[in-house]
PDB file of N, CA and C in Angstrom:
ATOM      1  N   MET A   1     216.923 136.376 104.202  1.00  0.00           N
ATOM      2  CA  MET A   1     215.676 135.955 104.835  1.00  0.00           C
ATOM      3  C   MET A   1     215.144 136.946 105.801  1.00  0.00           C
ATOM      4  N   SER A   2     215.875 137.826 106.466  1.00  0.00           N
ATOM      5  CA  SER A   2     215.526 138.763 107.477  1.00  0.00           C
ATOM      6  C   SER A   2     214.688 139.779 106.730  1.00  0.00           C
ATOM      7  N   GLN A   3     214.723 139.937 105.571  1.00  0.00           N
ATOM      8  CA  GLN A   3     214.152 141.263 104.679  1.00  0.00           C
ATOM      9  C   GLN A   3     212.766 140.434 104.349  1.00  0.00           C
ATOM     10  N   ILE A   4     212.762 139.463 104.329  1.00  0.00           N
ATOM     11  CA  ILE A   4     211.284 138.641 103.954  1.00  0.00           C
ATOM     12  C   ILE A   4     210.756 138.817 105.214  1.00  0.00           C
ATOM     13  N   ILE A   5     210.993 138.640 106.151  1.00  0.00           N
ATOM     14  CA  ILE A   5     210.325 138.163 107.644  1.00  0.00           C
ATOM     15  C   ILE A   5     209.744 139.680 107.909  1.00  0.00           C
ATOM     16  N   TYR A   6     210.723 140.715 107.691  1.00  0.00           N
ATOM     17  CA  TYR A   6     210.274 142.107 108.171  1.00  0.00           C
ATOM     18  C   TYR A   6     209.269 142.535 107.140  1.00  0.00           C
ATOM     19  N   PHE A   7     209.446 142.187 105.770  1.00  0.00           N
ATOM     20  CA  PHE A   7     208.148 142.565 104.814  1.00  0.00           C
ATOM     21  C   PHE A   7     207.038 142.115 105.425  1.00  0.00           C
ATOM     22  N   LEU A   8     206.990 140.792 105.438  1.00  0.00           N
ATOM     23  CA  LEU A   8     205.831 139.896 105.853  1.00  0.00           C
ATOM     24  C   LEU A   8     205.480 140.343 107.351  1.00  0.00           C
ATOM     25  N   ILE A   9     205.672 140.910 108.206  1.00  0.00           N
ATOM     26  CA  ILE A   9     205.533 141.645 109.234  1.00  0.00           C
ATOM     27  C   ILE A   9     204.704 142.882 109.240  1.00  0.00           C
ATOM     28  N   HIS A  10     205.464 143.618 108.214  1.00  0.00           N
ATOM     29  CA  HIS A  10     204.937 145.066 107.956  1.00  0.00           C
ATOM     30  C   HIS A  10     203.632 144.972 107.267  1.00  0.00           C
ATOM     31  N   ILE A  11     203.262 143.611 106.358  1.00  0.00           N
ATOM     32  CA  ILE A  11     202.186 143.585 105.327  1.00  0.00           C
ATOM     33  C   ILE A  11     200.914 143.148 106.450  1.00  0.00           C
ATOM     34  N   ILE A  12     201.494 142.232 107.720  1.00  0.00           N
ATOM     35  CA  ILE A  12     200.373 142.096 108.633  1.00  0.00           C
ATOM     36  C   ILE A  12     199.869 142.827 109.424  1.00  0.00           C
ATOM     37  N   GLN A  13     201.021 143.584 109.736  1.00  0.00           N
ATOM     38  CA  GLN A  13     200.674 144.680 110.671  1.00  0.00           C
ATOM     39  C   GLN A  13     199.610 145.886 110.361  1.00  0.00           C
ATOM     40  N   GLN A  14     199.475 146.158 108.892  1.00  0.00           N
ATOM     41  CA  GLN A  14     198.670 146.913 108.188  1.00  0.00           C
ATOM     42  C   GLN A  14     197.260 146.380 108.450  1.00  0.00           C
ATOM     43  N   PHE A  15     197.057 144.912 108.219  1.00  0.00           N
ATOM     44  CA  PHE A  15     195.887 144.508 108.525  1.00  0.00           C
ATOM     45  C   PHE A  15     195.294 144.061 110.237  1.00  0.00           C
ATOM     46  N   LEU A  16     196.342 144.005 110.902  1.00  0.00           N
ATOM     47  CA  LEU A  16     196.115 143.575 112.074  1.00  0.00           C
ATOM     48  C   LEU A  16     195.697 144.668 113.062  1.00  0.00           C
ATOM     49  N   VAL A  17     195.755 145.942 112.748  1.00  0.00           N
ATOM     50  CA  VAL A  17     194.993 147.363 113.562  1.00  0.00           C
ATOM     51  C   VAL A  17     193.896 147.231 113.387  1.00  0.00           C
ATOM     52  N   PRO A  18     193.436 147.322 112.082  1.00  0.00           N
ATOM     53  CA  PRO A  18     191.823 147.545 111.884  1.00  0.00           C
ATOM     54  C   PRO A  18     191.118 146.305 112.150  1.00  0.00           C
ATOM     55  N   LEU A  19     191.571 145.261 112.170  1.00  0.00           N
ATOM     56  CA  LEU A  19     191.244 143.917 112.402  1.00  0.00           C
ATOM     57  C   LEU A  19     190.812 143.935 114.009  1.00  0.00           C
ATOM     58  N   CYS A  20     191.986 144.079 114.473  1.00  0.00           N
ATOM     59  CA  CYS A  20     191.912 144.271 116.106  1.00  0.00           C
ATOM     60  C   CYS A  20     190.807 145.336 116.678  1.00  0.00           C
ATOM     61  N   LEU A  21     190.661 146.634 115.647  1.00  0.00           N
ATOM     62  CA  LEU A  21     189.511 147.576 116.067  1.00  0.00           C
ATOM     63  C   LEU A  21     188.200 146.859 115.823  1.00  0.00           C
ATOM     64  N   ILE A  22     188.190 146.381 114.683  1.00  0.00           N
ATOM     65  CA  ILE A  22     186.775 145.665 114.420  1.00  0.00           C
ATOM     66  C   ILE A  22     186.435 144.754 115.345  1.00  0.00           C
ATOM     67  N   SER A  23     187.255 143.894 116.011  1.00  0.00           N
ATOM     68  CA  SER A  23     187.047 142.628 116.826  1.00  0.00           C
ATOM     69  C   SER A  23     186.679 143.371 118.199  1.00  0.00           C
ATOM     70  N   ALA A  24     187.377 144.504 118.721  1.00  0.00           N
ATOM     71  CA  ALA A  24     186.904 145.381 119.865  1.00  0.00           C
ATOM     72  C   ALA A  24     185.608 145.680 119.796  1.00  0.00           C
ATOM     73  N   TRP A  25     185.461 146.404 118.661  1.00  0.00           N
ATOM     74  CA  TRP A  25     183.896 147.034 118.835  1.00  0.00           C
ATOM     75  C   TRP A  25     182.795 145.954 118.459  1.00  0.00           C
ATOM     76  N   ALA A  26     183.049 145.001 118.107  1.00  0.00           N
ATOM     77  CA  ALA A  26     182.264 143.722 117.992  1.00  0.00           C
ATOM     78  C   ALA A  26     181.806 143.078 119.368  1.00  0.00           C
ATOM     79  N   LEU A  27     183.118 143.019 119.917  1.00  0.00           N
ATOM     80  CA  LEU A  27     182.720 142.313 121.252  1.00  0.00           C
ATOM     81  C   LEU A  27     182.116 143.411 122.348  1.00  0.00           C
ATOM     82  N   ILE A  28     182.186 144.410 122.348  1.00  0.00           N
ATOM     83  CA  ILE A  28     181.584 145.621 122.933  1.00  0.00           C
ATOM     84  C   ILE A  28     180.141 145.735 122.417  1.00  0.00           C
ATOM     85  N   ILE A  29     179.933 145.833 121.491  1.00  0.00           N
ATOM     86  CA  ILE A  29     178.570 145.402 120.761  1.00  0.00           C
ATOM     87  C   ILE A  29     177.607 144.511 121.365  1.00  0.00           C
ATOM     88  N   LEU A  30     178.177 143.010 121.372  1.00  0.00           N
ATOM     89  CA  LEU A  30     177.868 141.770 121.638  1.00  0.00           C
ATOM     90  C   LEU A  30     177.556 141.957 123.274  1.00  0.00           C
ATOM     91  N   VAL A  31     178.875 142.325 123.890  1.00  0.00           N
ATOM     92  CA  VAL A  31     178.247 142.373 125.390  1.00  0.00           C
ATOM     93  C   VAL A  31     177.217 143.379 125.779  1.00  0.00           C
ATOM     94  N   ALA A  32     177.023 144.674 124.938  1.00  0.00           N
ATOM     95  CA  ALA A  32     175.734 145.473 125.245  1.00  0.00           C
ATOM     96  C   ALA A  32     174.657 144.970 125.003  1.00  0.00           C
ATOM     97  N   TRP A  33     174.592 144.104 123.858  1.00  0.00           N
ATOM     98  CA  TRP A  33     173.332 143.471 123.236  1.00  0.00           C
ATOM     99  C   TRP A  33     173.183 142.408 124.308  1.00  0.00           C
ATOM    100  N   SER A  34     173.750 141.477 124.714  1.00  0.00           N
ATOM    101  CA  SER A  34     173.442 140.333 125.912  1.00  0.00           C
ATOM    102  C   SER A  34     172.982 141.197 126.900  1.00  0.00           C
ATOM    103  N   LEU A  35     173.354 142.144 127.633  1.00  0.00           N
ATOM    104  CA  LEU A  35     172.892 142.865 128.794  1.00  0.00           C
ATOM    105  C   LEU A  35     171.692 143.432 128.453  1.00  0.00           C
ATOM    106  N   TRP A  36     171.251 144.159 127.209  1.00  0.00           N
ATOM    107  CA  TRP A  36     170.182 144.640 127.022  1.00  0.00           C
ATOM    108  C   TRP A  36     169.002 143.316 126.985  1.00  0.00           C
ATOM    109  N   SER A  37     169.434 142.512 126.194  1.00  0.00           N
ATOM    110  CA  SER A  37     168.283 141.446 126.304  1.00  0.00           C
ATOM    111  C   SER A  37     167.920 140.621 127.832  1.00  0.00           C
ATOM    112  N   ALA A  38     168.943 140.718 128.462  1.00  0.00           N
ATOM    113  CA  ALA A  38     168.938 139.938 129.921  1.00  0.00           C
ATOM    114  C   ALA A  38     168.128 140.949 130.388  1.00  0.00           C
ATOM    115  N   THR A  39     168.328 142.249 130.500  1.00  0.00           N
ATOM    116  CA  THR A  39     167.524 143.162 130.984  1.00  0.00           C
ATOM    117  C   THR A  39     166.025 143.032 130.895  1.00  0.00           C
ATOM    118  N   ARG A  40     166.089 143.096 129.573  1.00  0.00           N
ATOM    119  CA  ARG A  40     164.482 143.212 129.019  1.00  0.00           C
ATOM    120  C   ARG A  40     163.894 141.824 129.302  1.00  0.00           C
ATOM    121  N   ASP A  41     164.526 140.618 129.120  1.00  0.00           N
ATOM    122  CA  ASP A  41     163.751 139.271 129.680  1.00  0.00           C
ATOM    123  C   ASP A  41     163.310 139.426 131.343  1.00  0.00           C
ATOM    124  N   SER A  42     164.273 139.892 132.146  1.00  0.00           N
ATOM    125  CA  SER A  42     164.290 139.999 133.505  1.00  0.00           C
ATOM    126  C   SER A  42     162.892 140.735 133.882  1.00  0.00           C
ATOM    127  N   VAL A  43     162.704 142.217 133.537  1.00  0.00           N
ATOM    128  CA  VAL A  43     161.713 143.116 133.420  1.00  0.00           C
ATOM    129  C   VAL A  43     160.150 142.379 132.808  1.00  0.00           C
ATOM    130  N   LYS A  44     160.367 141.612 131.700  1.00  0.00           N
ATOM    131  CA  LYS A  44     159.114 140.805 131.613  1.00  0.00           C
ATOM    132  C   LYS A  44     158.921 139.733 132.318  1.00  0.00           C
ATOM    133  N   ILE A  45     159.649 139.007 132.995  1.00  0.00           N
ATOM    134  CA  ILE A  45     159.513 137.833 134.026  1.00  0.00           C
ATOM    135  C   ILE A  45     158.798 138.619 135.362  1.00  0.00           C
ATOM    136  N   ALA A  46     159.279 139.818 135.581  1.00  0.00           N
ATOM    137  CA  ALA A  46     159.089 140.663 136.819  1.00  0.00           C
ATOM    138  C   ALA A  46     157.834 140.990 136.843  1.00  0.00           C
ATOM    139  N   LYS A  47     157.346 141.667 135.588  1.00  0.00           N
ATOM    140  CA  LYS A  47     155.788 141.896 135.622  1.00  0.00           C
ATOM    141  C   LYS A  47     155.018 140.712 135.458  1.00  0.00           C
ATOM    142  N   GLN A  48     155.280 139.675 135.097  1.00  0.00           N
ATOM    143  CA  GLN A  48     154.368 138.627 135.030  1.00  0.00           C
ATOM    144  C   GLN A  48     154.154 137.901 136.564  1.00  0.00           C
ATOM    145  N   MET A  49     155.481 138.019 137.148  1.00  0.00           N
ATOM    146  CA  MET A  49     155.343 137.575 138.515  1.00  0.00           C
ATOM    147  C   MET A  49     154.806 138.482 139.308  1.00  0.00           C
ATOM    148  N   HIS A  50     154.637 139.710 139.048  1.00  0.00           N
ATOM    149  CA  HIS A  50     153.986 140.629 140.090  1.00  0.00           C
ATOM    150  C   HIS A  50     152.316 140.520 139.949  1.00  0.00           C
ATOM    151  N   GLN A  51     152.032 139.799 138.986  1.00  0.00           N
ATOM    152  CA  GLN A  51     150.739 139.463 138.779  1.00  0.00           C
ATOM    153  C   GLN A  51     149.707 138.520 139.642  1.00  0.00           C
ATOM    154  N   ILE A  52     150.769 137.915 140.185  1.00  0.00           N
ATOM    155  CA  ILE A  52     150.296 136.666 141.096  1.00  0.00           C
ATOM    156  C   ILE A  52     149.578 137.345 142.200  1.00  0.00           C
ATOM    157  N   PRO A  53     148.545 137.167 142.627  1.00  0.00           N
ATOM    158  CA  PRO A  53     147.652 137.878 143.865  1.00  0.00           C
ATOM    159  C   PRO A  53     147.582 137.292 144.855  1.00  0.00           C
ATOM    160  N   CYS A  54     148.486 135.891 145.416  1.00  0.00           N
ATOM    161  CA  CYS A  54     148.510 134.907 146.402  1.00  0.00           C
ATOM    162  C   CYS A  54     148.713 135.960 147.658  1.00  0.00           C
ATOM    163  N   SER A  55     149.450 136.843 147.720  1.00  0.00           N
ATOM    164  CA  SER A  55     149.974 137.405 149.055  1.00  0.00           C
ATOM    165  C   SER A  55     149.028 138.366 149.465  1.00  0.00           C
ATOM    166  N   SER A  56     147.925 138.924 148.635  1.00  0.00           N
ATOM    167  CA  SER A  56     146.659 139.776 149.239  1.00  0.00           C
ATOM    168  C   SER A  56     145.326 138.843 148.966  1.00  0.00           C
ATOM    169  N   CYS A  57     145.604 137.670 149.215  1.00  0.00           N
ATOM    170  CA  CYS A  57     144.388 136.784 149.227  1.00  0.00           C
ATOM    171  C   CYS A  57     143.861 136.471 150.896  1.00  0.00           C
ATOM    172  N   GLN A  58     142.639 136.060 151.033  1.00  0.00           N
ATOM    173  CA  GLN A  58     142.663 135.672 152.353  1.00  0.00           C
ATOM    174  C   GLN A  58     142.901 134.547 152.800  1.00  0.00           C
ATOM    175  N   TYR A  59     142.892 133.539 151.780  1.00  0.00           N
ATOM    176  CA  TYR A  59     143.180 131.974 151.903  1.00  0.00           C
ATOM    177  C   TYR A  59     144.486 131.837 151.942  1.00  0.00           C
ATOM    178  N   PHE A  60     145.619 132.678 151.916  1.00  0.00           N
ATOM    179  CA  PHE A  60     147.170 132.717 151.940  1.00  0.00           C
ATOM    180  C   PHE A  60     147.536 132.954 153.253  1.00  0.00           C
ATOM    181  N   THR A  61     148.278 131.958 153.816  1.00  0.00           N
ATOM    182  CA  THR A  61     148.340 131.801 154.999  1.00  0.00           C
ATOM    183  C   THR A  61     149.926 132.008 155.606  1.00  0.00           C
ATOM    184  N   ASP A  62     150.679 132.531 154.511  1.00  0.00           N
ATOM    185  CA  ASP A  62     152.110 133.025 154.647  1.00  0.00           C
ATOM    186  C   ASP A  62     152.956 131.843 155.369  1.00  0.00           C
ATOM    187  N   ASP A  63     152.718 130.883 155.602  1.00  0.00           N
ATOM    188  CA  ASP A  63     153.578 129.657 156.264  1.00  0.00           C
ATOM    189  C   ASP A  63     154.035 128.798 154.957  1.00  0.00           C
ATOM    190  N   TYR A  64     155.485 128.389 155.339  1.00  0.00           N
ATOM    191  CA  TYR A  64     155.835 127.665 154.014  1.00  0.00           C
ATOM    192  C   TYR A  64     155.412 126.259 153.928  1.00  0.00           C
ATOM    193  N   ARG A  65     154.834 125.798 154.970  1.00  0.00           N
ATOM    194  CA  ARG A  65     154.520 124.433 155.148  1.00  0.00           C
ATOM    195  C   ARG A  65     152.979 124.405 154.160  1.00  0.00           C
ATOM    196  N   LEU A  66     152.185 125.462 154.216  1.00  0.00           N
ATOM    197  CA  LEU A  66     150.874 125.341 153.658  1.00  0.00           C
ATOM    198  C   LEU A  66     150.874 126.776 153.070  1.00  0.00           C
ATOM    199  N   LYS A  67     150.791 127.283 152.156  1.00  0.00           N
ATOM    200  CA  LYS A  67     150.748 128.606 151.360  1.00  0.00           C
ATOM    201  C   LYS A  67     149.471 129.132 151.261  1.00  0.00           C
ATOM    202  N   CYS A  68     148.606 128.172 150.845  1.00  0.00           N
ATOM    203  CA  CYS A  68     147.421 128.444 150.535  1.00  0.00           C
ATOM    204  C   CYS A  68     146.321 127.270 151.080  1.00  0.00           C
ATOM    205  N   THR A  69     145.280 127.637 151.715  1.00  0.00           N
ATOM    206  CA  THR A  69     144.350 126.600 152.246  1.00  0.00           C
ATOM    207  C   THR A  69     143.546 125.866 150.897  1.00  0.00           C
ATOM    208  N   VAL A  70     143.313 126.687 149.793  1.00  0.00           N
ATOM    209  CA  VAL A  70     142.368 126.135 149.120  1.00  0.00           C
ATOM    210  C   VAL A  70     142.827 125.674 147.529  1.00  0.00           C
ATOM    211  N   HIS A  71     144.281 125.926 147.500  1.00  0.00           N
ATOM    212  CA  HIS A  71     144.993 125.683 146.291  1.00  0.00           C
ATOM    213  C   HIS A  71     146.454 125.308 146.835  1.00  0.00           C
ATOM    214  N   PRO A  72     146.980 124.675 147.464  1.00  0.00           N
ATOM    215  CA  PRO A  72     148.435 124.601 147.931  1.00  0.00           C
ATOM    216  C   PRO A  72     149.556 124.203 147.055  1.00  0.00           C
ATOM    217  N   CYS A  73     148.880 123.349 146.041  1.00  0.00           N
ATOM    218  CA  CYS A  73     149.810 123.217 144.751  1.00  0.00           C
ATOM    219  C   CYS A  73     150.022 124.214 143.862  1.00  0.00           C
ATOM    220  N   ILE A  74     149.249 125.216 143.676  1.00  0.00           N
ATOM    221  CA  ILE A  74     149.606 126.374 142.727  1.00  0.00           C
ATOM    222  C   ILE A  74     149.732 127.813 143.170  1.00  0.00           C
ATOM    223  N   ALA A  75     149.854 127.755 144.736  1.00  0.00           N
ATOM    224  CA  ALA A  75     150.206 129.034 145.363  1.00  0.00           C
ATOM    225  C   ALA A  75     151.439 129.558 144.950  1.00  0.00           C
ATOM    226  N   ASN A  76     151.500 130.953 144.766  1.00  0.00           N
ATOM    227  CA  ASN A  76     152.539 131.714 144.446  1.00  0.00           C
ATOM    228  C   ASN A  76     153.321 131.268 142.896  1.00  0.00           C
ATOM    229  N   THR A  77     152.431 130.339 142.195  1.00  0.00           N
ATOM    230  CA  THR A  77     153.085 130.216 140.929  1.00  0.00           C
ATOM    231  C   THR A  77     151.952 131.035 139.741  1.00  0.00           C
ATOM    232  N   GLU A  78     152.758 130.856 138.548  1.00  0.00           N
ATOM    233  CA  GLU A  78     152.044 131.702 137.434  1.00  0.00           C
ATOM    234  C   GLU A  78     150.862 130.904 137.161  1.00  0.00           C
ATOM    235  N   GLU A  79     150.545 129.783 137.807  1.00  0.00           N
ATOM    236  CA  GLU A  79     149.097 129.226 137.421  1.00  0.00           C
ATOM    237  C   GLU A  79     148.221 129.992 138.509  1.00  0.00           C
ATOM    238  N   ALA A  80     148.449 130.699 139.583  1.00  0.00           N
ATOM    239  CA  ALA A  80     147.481 131.396 140.395  1.00  0.00           C
ATOM    240  C   ALA A  80     147.146 132.515 139.873  1.00  0.00           C
ATOM    241  N   ILE A  81     147.604 133.057 138.687  1.00  0.00           N
ATOM    242  CA  ILE A  81     147.156 134.725 138.265  1.00  0.00           C
ATOM    243  C   ILE A  81     145.606 134.564 137.950  1.00  0.00           C
ATOM    244  N   ASN A  82     145.368 133.752 137.484  1.00  0.00           N
ATOM    245  CA  ASN A  82     143.527 133.613 137.438  1.00  0.00           C
ATOM    246  C   ASN A  82     143.132 132.698 138.268  1.00  0.00           C
ATOM    247  N   CYS A  83     143.126 132.656 139.489  1.00  0.00           N
ATOM    248  CA  CYS A  83     142.530 131.778 140.394  1.00  0.00           C
ATOM    249  C   CYS A  83     141.143 132.214 140.595  1.00  0.00           C
ATOM    250  N   LEU A  84     140.402 131.072 140.407  1.00  0.00           N
ATOM    251  CA  LEU A  84     138.866 131.535 140.557  1.00  0.00           C
ATOM    252  C   LEU A  84     138.591 131.561 142.078  1.00  0.00           C
ATOM    253  N   ASP A  85     139.395 131.303 142.901  1.00  0.00           N
ATOM    254  CA  ASP A  85     138.960 131.244 144.469  1.00  0.00           C
ATOM    255  C   ASP A  85     139.566 132.649 145.295  1.00  0.00           C
ATOM    256  N   TYR A  86     140.129 133.525 144.447  1.00  0.00           N
ATOM    257  CA  TYR A  86     140.847 134.366 145.261  1.00  0.00           C
ATOM    258  C   TYR A  86     139.849 135.375 145.757  1.00  0.00           C
ATOM    259  N   GLN A  87     139.872 135.948 147.018  1.00  0.00           N
ATOM    260  CA  GLN A  87     139.448 136.925 147.768  1.00  0.00           C
ATOM    261  C   GLN A  87     140.065 137.583 148.402  1.00  0.00           C
ATOM    262  N   ALA A  88     140.054 138.871 148.162  1.00  0.00           N
ATOM    263  CA  ALA A  88     141.110 139.844 148.783  1.00  0.00           C
ATOM    264  C   ALA A  88     140.787 139.814 150.264  1.00  0.00           C
ATOM    265  N   LYS A  89     141.977 140.347 151.199  1.00  0.00           N
ATOM    266  CA  LYS A  89     141.796 140.283 152.496  1.00  0.00           C
ATOM    267  C   LYS A  89     141.093 141.813 152.648  1.00  0.00           C
ATOM    268  N   THR A  90     139.892 141.546 153.596  1.00  0.00           N
ATOM    269  CA  THR A  90     139.323 142.755 153.892  1.00  0.00           C
ATOM    270  C   THR A  90     139.868 143.319 155.208  1.00  0.00           C
ATOM    271  N   ASN A  91     140.331 142.659 156.136  1.00  0.00           N
ATOM    272  CA  ASN A  91     140.760 143.468 156.984  1.00  0.00           C
ATOM    273  C   ASN A  91     142.280 142.534 157.642  1.00  0.00           C
ATOM    274  N   ALA A  92     142.992 143.121 157.723  1.00  0.00           N
ATOM    275  CA  ALA A  92     144.437 142.880 157.572  1.00  0.00           C
ATOM    276  C   ALA A  92     144.880 142.283 159.267  1.00  0.00           C
ATOM    277  N   MET A  93     144.067 142.678 160.190  1.00  0.00           N
ATOM    278  CA  MET A  93     144.013 142.249 161.675  1.00  0.00           C
ATOM    279  C   MET A  93     143.831 140.827 161.870  1.00  0.00           C
ATOM    280  N   TYR A  94     142.932 140.538 160.774  1.00  0.00           N
ATOM    281  CA  TYR A  94     142.576 139.095 161.154  1.00  0.00           C
ATOM    282  C   TYR A  94     143.325 138.004 160.467  1.00  0.00           C
ATOM    283  N   TYR A  95     144.105 138.541 159.754  1.00  0.00           N
ATOM    284  CA  TYR A  95     145.378 137.480 158.709  1.00  0.00           C
ATOM    285  C   TYR A  95     146.373 137.582 159.007  1.00  0.00           C
TER     286      TYR A  95
END
């Protein structure tokens, strides 16, 4: 009986090492791919959020209660990217 168990363990061990090696590399590749896709998506979202012009608009109040005097509902959102009422600040001392 012990010879059969020893034989089975020896056969399984031959397949176990390559299987563990392949599993380890697959895990490393999946983690790297996940990190790459998360970074890519974060950069894409950051580029889109940097297009929001609200902070340099003269109607932007920089107050959490009323962010914009013209369009308070869309201030600092993606909807404000193409705001028709955008006016650049001309003199920072007045705002």
